[in-house]
């Protein structure tokens, strides 16, 4: 589940781009 948080942060970063 720890990875899930990392993935979610990356996705948000991509959307912000």
N, C-alpha and C. Protein backbone atom coordinates (compact mmCIF):
# COMPACT_ATOMS: atom_id res chain seq x y z
N UNK A 1 0.85 -1.20 0.00
CA UNK A 1 0.00 0.00 0.00
C UNK A 1 0.89 1.26 0.00
N UNK A 2 2.08 1.10 0.52
CA UNK A 2 3.01 2.25 0.56
C UNK A 2 3.27 2.75 -0.87
N UNK A 3 3.38 1.81 -1.78
CA UNK A 3 3.64 2.17 -3.18
C UNK A 3 2.44 2.93 -3.75
N UNK A 4 1.25 2.56 -3.33
CA UNK A 4 0.03 3.22 -3.84
C UNK A 4 0.12 4.73 -3.63
N UNK A 5 0.60 5.13 -2.46
CA UNK A 5 0.70 6.57 -2.17
C UNK A 5 1.69 7.22 -3.14
N UNK A 6 2.81 6.57 -3.34
CA UNK A 6 3.83 7.12 -4.26
C UNK A 6 3.25 7.27 -5.66
N UNK A 7 2.54 6.26 -6.09
CA UNK A 7 1.96 6.29 -7.44
C UNK A 7 0.96 7.45 -7.52
N UNK A 8 0.18 7.63 -6.49
CA UNK A 8 -0.87 8.67 -6.50
C UNK A 8 -0.17 10.03 -6.60
N UNK A 9 0.91 10.21 -5.90
CA UNK A 9 1.64 11.50 -5.94
C UNK A 9 2.16 11.73 -7.35
N UNK A 10 2.69 10.70 -7.96
CA UNK A 10 3.24 10.82 -9.32
C UNK A 10 2.11 11.19 -10.29
N UNK A 11 0.98 10.57 -10.14
CA UNK A 11 -0.15 10.85 -11.04
C UNK A 11 -0.57 12.30 -10.88
N UNK A 12 -0.63 12.77 -9.65
CA UNK A 12 -1.04 14.18 -9.41
C UNK A 12 -0.01 15.11 -10.05
N UNK A 13 1.24 14.75 -9.94
CA UNK A 13 2.31 15.58 -10.51
C UNK A 13 2.15 15.64 -12.04
N UNK A 14 1.81 14.51 -12.62
CA UNK A 14 1.64 14.46 -14.08
C UNK A 14 0.45 15.32 -14.50
N UNK A 15 -0.61 15.27 -13.73
CA UNK A 15 -1.81 16.06 -14.07
C UNK A 15 -1.50 17.56 -13.95
N UNK A 16 -0.67 17.88 -12.99
CA UNK A 16 -0.31 19.30 -12.77
C UNK A 16 0.51 19.82 -13.96
N UNK A 17 1.28 18.93 -14.55
CA UNK A 17 2.15 19.34 -15.67
C UNK A 17 1.33 19.95 -16.80
